Amino acid sequence: MQRSKTMLHSTKNNLSRAMTKINKCHRCGATSYKPVIKRDESGTMMPSGEHQCVGCGLVFTDIDEWRTVQVQKEEIQTEGQDRQ
């Protein structure tokens, strides 16, 4: 009985660590964001489809833009050419 409690606790800790590494801003480490509200053509305030990090103000449309550092394709090509 004691063993299963330990395993459950260990699993929860591992999941918690994985979540904290994944679900945070790559720039400031904030763990939340909010929808960006803008006026549409008729003047009504509506969600724009964008989100904003509550920590640093990064505006993004895809959650992966918030979670991970984006590497420019040009940098990758340059690095590959330097090695050859």
C-alpha atoms as a PDB file:
ATOM      1  CA  MET A   1       0.000   0.000   0.000  1.00  0.00           C
ATOM      2  CA  GLN A   2       2.752   2.435   0.923  1.00  0.00           C
ATOM      3  CA  ARG A   3       4.592   1.680  -2.299  1.00  0.00           C
ATOM      4  CA  SER A   4       1.643   2.674  -4.521  1.00  0.00           C
ATOM      5  CA  LYS A   5       1.286   6.004  -2.704  1.00  0.00           C
ATOM      6  CA  THR A   6       4.972   6.704  -3.300  1.00  0.00           C
ATOM      7  CA  MET A   7       4.671   5.837  -6.968  1.00  0.00           C
ATOM      8  CA  LEU A   8       1.585   8.041  -7.347  1.00  0.00           C
ATOM      9  CA  HIS A   9       3.344  10.943  -5.635  1.00  0.00           C
ATOM     10  CA  SER A  10       6.400  10.438  -7.845  1.00  0.00           C
ATOM     11  CA  THR A  11       4.237  10.416 -10.975  1.00  0.00           C
ATOM     12  CA  LYS A  12       2.513  13.641  -9.937  1.00  0.00           C
ATOM     13  CA  ASN A  13       5.880  15.317  -9.295  1.00  0.00           C
ATOM     14  CA  ASN A  14       7.216  14.247 -12.692  1.00  0.00           C
ATOM     15  CA  LEU A  15       4.078  15.505 -14.427  1.00  0.00           C
ATOM     16  CA  SER A  16       4.279  18.777 -12.513  1.00  0.00           C
ATOM     17  CA  ARG A  17       7.912  19.273 -13.537  1.00  0.00           C
ATOM     18  CA  ALA A  18       7.087  18.518 -17.160  1.00  0.00           C
ATOM     19  CA  MET A  19       4.221  21.008 -17.150  1.00  0.00           C
ATOM     20  CA  THR A  20       6.332  23.797 -15.659  1.00  0.00           C
ATOM     21  CA  LYS A  21       9.015  23.288 -18.282  1.00  0.00           C
ATOM     22  CA  ILE A  22       6.527  23.327 -21.142  1.00  0.00           C
ATOM     23  CA  ASN A  23       3.756  25.747 -20.254  1.00  0.00           C
ATOM     24  CA  LYS A  24       5.572  29.023 -19.687  1.00  0.00           C
ATOM     25  CA  CYS A  25       6.793  31.994 -21.667  1.00  0.00           C
ATOM     26  CA  HIS A  26      10.191  31.439 -23.273  1.00  0.00           C
ATOM     27  CA  ARG A  27      11.121  35.098 -22.715  1.00  0.00           C
ATOM     28  CA  CYS A  28      10.091  35.855 -19.126  1.00  0.00           C
ATOM     29  CA  GLY A  29       8.934  32.555 -17.608  1.00  0.00           C
ATOM     30  CA  ALA A  30       5.381  33.756 -16.900  1.00  0.00           C
ATOM     31  CA  THR A  31       2.839  30.955 -16.717  1.00  0.00           C
ATOM     32  CA  SER A  32      -0.218  32.765 -18.047  1.00  0.00           C
ATOM     33  CA  TYR A  33      -1.438  34.829 -20.968  1.00  0.00           C
ATOM     34  CA  LYS A  34      -4.627  36.674 -21.853  1.00  0.00           C
ATOM     35  CA  PRO A  35      -6.668  37.192 -25.031  1.00  0.00           C
ATOM     36  CA  VAL A  36      -6.083  40.423 -26.941  1.00  0.00           C
ATOM     37  CA  ILE A  37      -9.359  42.309 -27.384  1.00  0.00           C
ATOM     38  CA  LYS A  38      -9.689  44.674 -30.369  1.00  0.00           C
ATOM     39  CA  ARG A  39     -12.497  46.500 -32.134  1.00  0.00           C
ATOM     40  CA  ASP A  40     -13.846  44.835 -35.258  1.00  0.00           C
ATOM     41  CA  GLU A  41     -15.050  46.691 -38.369  1.00  0.00           C
ATOM     42  CA  SER A  42     -18.386  47.531 -36.717  1.00  0.00           C
ATOM     43  CA  GLY A  43     -16.711  48.913 -33.592  1.00  0.00           C
ATOM     44  CA  THR A  44     -17.568  45.963 -31.347  1.00  0.00           C
ATOM     45  CA  MET A  45     -14.887  44.820 -28.910  1.00  0.00           C
ATOM     46  CA  MET A  46     -14.045  41.211 -29.798  1.00  0.00           C
ATOM     47  CA  PRO A  47     -11.211  38.725 -29.228  1.00  0.00           C
ATOM     48  CA  SER A  48      -8.688  39.237 -32.029  1.00  0.00           C
ATOM     49  CA  GLY A  49      -7.354  35.691 -32.133  1.00  0.00           C
ATOM     50  CA  GLU A  50      -4.113  36.897 -30.570  1.00  0.00           C
ATOM     51  CA  HIS A  51      -2.904  36.401 -27.009  1.00  0.00           C
ATOM     52  CA  GLN A  52      -0.554  38.447 -24.825  1.00  0.00           C
ATOM     53  CA  CYS A  53       1.856  37.204 -22.157  1.00  0.00           C
ATOM     54  CA  VAL A  54       0.972  38.733 -18.785  1.00  0.00           C
ATOM     55  CA  GLY A  55       4.659  38.937 -17.856  1.00  0.00           C
ATOM     56  CA  CYS A  56       6.474  40.542 -20.779  1.00  0.00           C
ATOM     57  CA  GLY A  57       3.653  41.542 -23.137  1.00  0.00           C
ATOM     58  CA  LEU A  58       4.684  39.235 -26.001  1.00  0.00           C
ATOM     59  CA  VAL A  59       1.793  39.069 -28.497  1.00  0.00           C
ATOM     60  CA  PHE A  60       1.313  35.753 -30.297  1.00  0.00           C
ATOM     61  CA  THR A  61      -1.265  33.730 -32.199  1.00  0.00           C
ATOM     62  CA  ASP A  62       0.154  30.230 -31.666  1.00  0.00           C
ATOM     63  CA  ILE A  63       0.885  28.872 -28.190  1.00  0.00           C
ATOM     64  CA  ASP A  64       4.196  27.454 -29.436  1.00  0.00           C
ATOM     65  CA  GLU A  65       5.371  31.008 -30.182  1.00  0.00           C
ATOM     66  CA  TRP A  66       4.916  31.740 -26.467  1.00  0.00           C
ATOM     67  CA  ARG A  67       6.456  28.499 -25.215  1.00  0.00           C
ATOM     68  CA  THR A  68       9.540  28.126 -27.400  1.00  0.00           C
ATOM     69  CA  VAL A  69      12.290  30.317 -28.779  1.00  0.00           C
ATOM     70  CA  GLN A  70      11.872  30.774 -32.516  1.00  0.00           C
ATOM     71  CA  VAL A  71      15.075  30.307 -34.527  1.00  0.00           C
ATOM     72  CA  GLN A  72      15.243  32.175 -37.802  1.00  0.00           C
ATOM     73  CA  LYS A  73      15.638  29.983 -40.891  1.00  0.00           C
ATOM     74  CA  GLU A  74      18.455  32.260 -42.058  1.00  0.00           C
ATOM     75  CA  GLU A  75      20.442  31.471 -38.888  1.00  0.00           C
ATOM     76  CA  ILE A  76      20.048  27.737 -39.455  1.00  0.00           C
ATOM     77  CA  GLN A  77      21.197  28.029 -43.075  1.00  0.00           C
ATOM     78  CA  THR A  78      24.189  30.167 -42.078  1.00  0.00           C
ATOM     79  CA  GLU A  79      25.233  27.705 -39.380  1.00  0.00           C
ATOM     80  CA  GLY A  80      24.971  24.806 -41.845  1.00  0.00           C
ATOM     81  CA  GLN A  81      27.104  26.648 -44.420  1.00  0.00           C
ATOM     82  CA  ASP A  82      29.812  27.462 -41.866  1.00  0.00           C
ATOM     83  CA  ARG A  83      30.282  23.783 -41.063  1.00  0.00           C
ATOM     84  CA  GLN A  84      30.846  22.716 -44.684  1.00  0.00           C
END
